[in-house]
Amino acid sequence: MSVDSPGSLEFPTEFTAHSRTGSVRIRTTETGLPVGVSVEPGELRRDPEALAGEILRLCRKSAARAGLVRRKQLQELGFTSGMLKLAGLPTEDQVAREELVQEQEYETETESWLRSV
């Protein structure tokens, strides 16, 4: 986030998220609408439903992080915590908790015949 002129805060128009390995990357709007998806060729061998699920999770992750940026911007403009709660913007704790749940529930290890020794 940058300041162009006094009293005016510029808000980013795109946000990013990526899988643990970085093989799936997305760019989204503030609300999580994908505007760009990058998938490494090896990921295309995965089950299509699993890959689609990962892309959706990354969109949600990106939107949640955008909500944090928006919350911070509004706090800097003087919005109270009550106003931010009414706006439905997530807190850092909520986003961190959700990311942890998503990671534990959905992230899988690399599908390979190799294993660590």
Protein backbone atom coordinates (compact mmCIF):
# COMPACT_ATOMS: atom_id res chain seq x y z
CA MET A 1 0.00 0.00 0.00
CA SER A 2 1.39 3.40 -0.87
CA VAL A 3 0.40 6.99 -0.30
CA ASP A 4 0.12 9.13 -3.46
CA SER A 5 -1.01 12.35 -1.83
CA PRO A 6 -1.86 13.43 1.70
CA GLY A 7 -5.12 11.89 2.87
CA SER A 8 -5.27 9.42 -0.02
CA LEU A 9 -4.26 5.78 0.34
CA GLU A 10 -3.88 3.65 -2.76
CA PHE A 11 -5.20 0.12 -2.44
CA PRO A 12 -3.67 -2.74 -4.46
CA THR A 13 -5.84 -4.11 -7.25
CA GLU A 14 -4.33 -7.60 -7.34
CA PHE A 15 -3.27 -10.06 -4.68
CA THR A 16 -1.34 -13.31 -4.94
CA ALA A 17 -1.18 -16.70 -3.27
CA HIS A 18 0.72 -19.88 -4.04
CA SER A 19 0.83 -23.50 -3.00
CA ARG A 20 3.37 -24.73 -0.48
CA THR A 21 5.69 -25.88 -3.28
CA GLY A 22 5.03 -22.81 -5.41
CA SER A 23 3.90 -24.96 -8.32
CA VAL A 24 0.42 -23.40 -8.34
CA ARG A 25 0.24 -19.59 -8.23
CA ILE A 26 -2.73 -17.32 -8.57
CA ARG A 27 -3.46 -13.62 -8.87
CA THR A 28 -6.86 -12.46 -7.65
CA THR A 29 -8.97 -9.40 -7.05
CA GLU A 30 -9.66 -8.24 -3.50
CA THR A 31 -12.65 -10.58 -3.34
CA GLY A 32 -10.70 -13.63 -4.51
CA LEU A 33 -11.81 -13.64 -8.15
CA PRO A 34 -8.93 -15.19 -10.12
CA VAL A 35 -7.36 -12.98 -12.78
CA GLY A 36 -4.34 -15.18 -13.41
CA VAL A 37 -3.43 -18.80 -12.73
CA SER A 38 -0.01 -20.37 -13.21
CA VAL A 39 0.35 -24.13 -12.92
CA GLU A 40 3.62 -25.99 -13.46
CA PRO A 41 3.33 -28.85 -15.96
CA GLY A 42 3.83 -31.57 -13.34
CA GLU A 43 0.74 -30.39 -11.47
CA LEU A 44 -1.41 -31.07 -14.53
CA ARG A 45 -1.00 -34.81 -13.88
CA ARG A 46 -2.88 -34.47 -10.60
CA ASP A 47 -6.51 -35.40 -10.16
CA PRO A 48 -8.46 -32.52 -11.77
CA GLU A 49 -10.75 -32.17 -8.75
CA ALA A 50 -7.78 -31.93 -6.39
CA LEU A 51 -6.14 -29.28 -8.56
CA ALA A 52 -9.38 -27.30 -8.83
CA GLY A 53 -9.80 -27.55 -5.05
CA GLU A 54 -6.30 -26.19 -4.53
CA ILE A 55 -6.97 -23.27 -6.86
CA LEU A 56 -10.18 -22.44 -4.96
CA ARG A 57 -8.37 -22.62 -1.61
CA LEU A 58 -5.69 -20.29 -2.94
CA CYS A 59 -8.37 -17.85 -4.12
CA ARG A 60 -9.89 -17.87 -0.63
CA LYS A 61 -6.45 -17.41 0.93
CA SER A 62 -5.73 -14.46 -1.34
CA ALA A 63 -9.10 -12.86 -0.52
CA ALA A 64 -8.55 -13.28 3.22
CA ARG A 65 -5.14 -11.64 3.00
CA ALA A 66 -6.63 -8.83 0.91
CA GLY A 67 -9.21 -8.36 3.67
CA LEU A 68 -6.36 -7.88 6.14
CA VAL A 69 -4.80 -5.23 3.93
CA ARG A 70 -8.18 -3.48 3.59
CA ARG A 71 -8.69 -3.68 7.38
CA LYS A 72 -5.30 -2.07 7.99
CA GLN A 73 -6.06 0.67 5.47
CA LEU A 74 -9.39 1.45 7.10
CA GLN A 75 -7.84 1.44 10.58
CA GLU A 76 -5.33 4.01 9.36
CA LEU A 77 -8.25 6.11 8.14
CA GLY A 78 -9.78 6.05 11.63
CA PHE A 79 -12.38 3.27 11.41
CA THR A 80 -13.17 1.77 14.81
CA SER A 81 -12.98 -1.95 15.53
CA GLY A 82 -16.79 -2.06 15.68
CA MET A 83 -17.05 -0.57 12.20
CA LEU A 84 -14.49 -3.05 10.87
CA LYS A 85 -16.39 -5.93 12.45
CA LEU A 86 -19.60 -4.77 10.75
CA ALA A 87 -17.71 -4.65 7.44
CA GLY A 88 -16.86 -8.32 7.90
CA LEU A 89 -13.14 -7.79 7.49
CA PRO A 90 -11.05 -10.57 9.02
CA THR A 91 -8.55 -10.12 11.84
CA GLU A 92 -4.98 -11.40 11.67
CA ASP A 93 -5.87 -14.17 14.13
CA GLN A 94 -8.83 -15.31 12.03
CA VAL A 95 -6.77 -15.46 8.85
CA ALA A 96 -3.87 -17.24 10.56
CA ARG A 97 -6.23 -19.79 12.10
CA GLU A 98 -7.98 -20.44 8.77
CA GLU A 99 -4.68 -20.82 6.92
CA LEU A 100 -3.48 -23.32 9.51
CA VAL A 101 -6.69 -25.34 9.20
CA GLN A 102 -6.48 -25.27 5.40
CA GLU A 103 -2.84 -26.35 5.46
CA GLN A 104 -3.52 -29.24 7.82
CA GLU A 105 -6.68 -30.32 6.05
CA TYR A 106 -5.80 -29.93 2.39
CA GLU A 107 -2.09 -29.51 1.74
CA THR A 108 -0.59 -32.73 0.55
CA GLU A 109 2.99 -33.78 0.26
CA THR A 110 4.51 -33.98 -3.17
CA GLU A 111 3.19 -37.01 -5.00
CA SER A 112 6.39 -38.84 -5.81
CA TRP A 113 7.90 -42.26 -5.50
CA LEU A 114 10.89 -40.65 -3.80
CA ARG A 115 10.88 -40.38 -0.05
CA SER A 116 13.14 -38.64 2.42
CA VAL A 117 15.82 -40.76 4.04
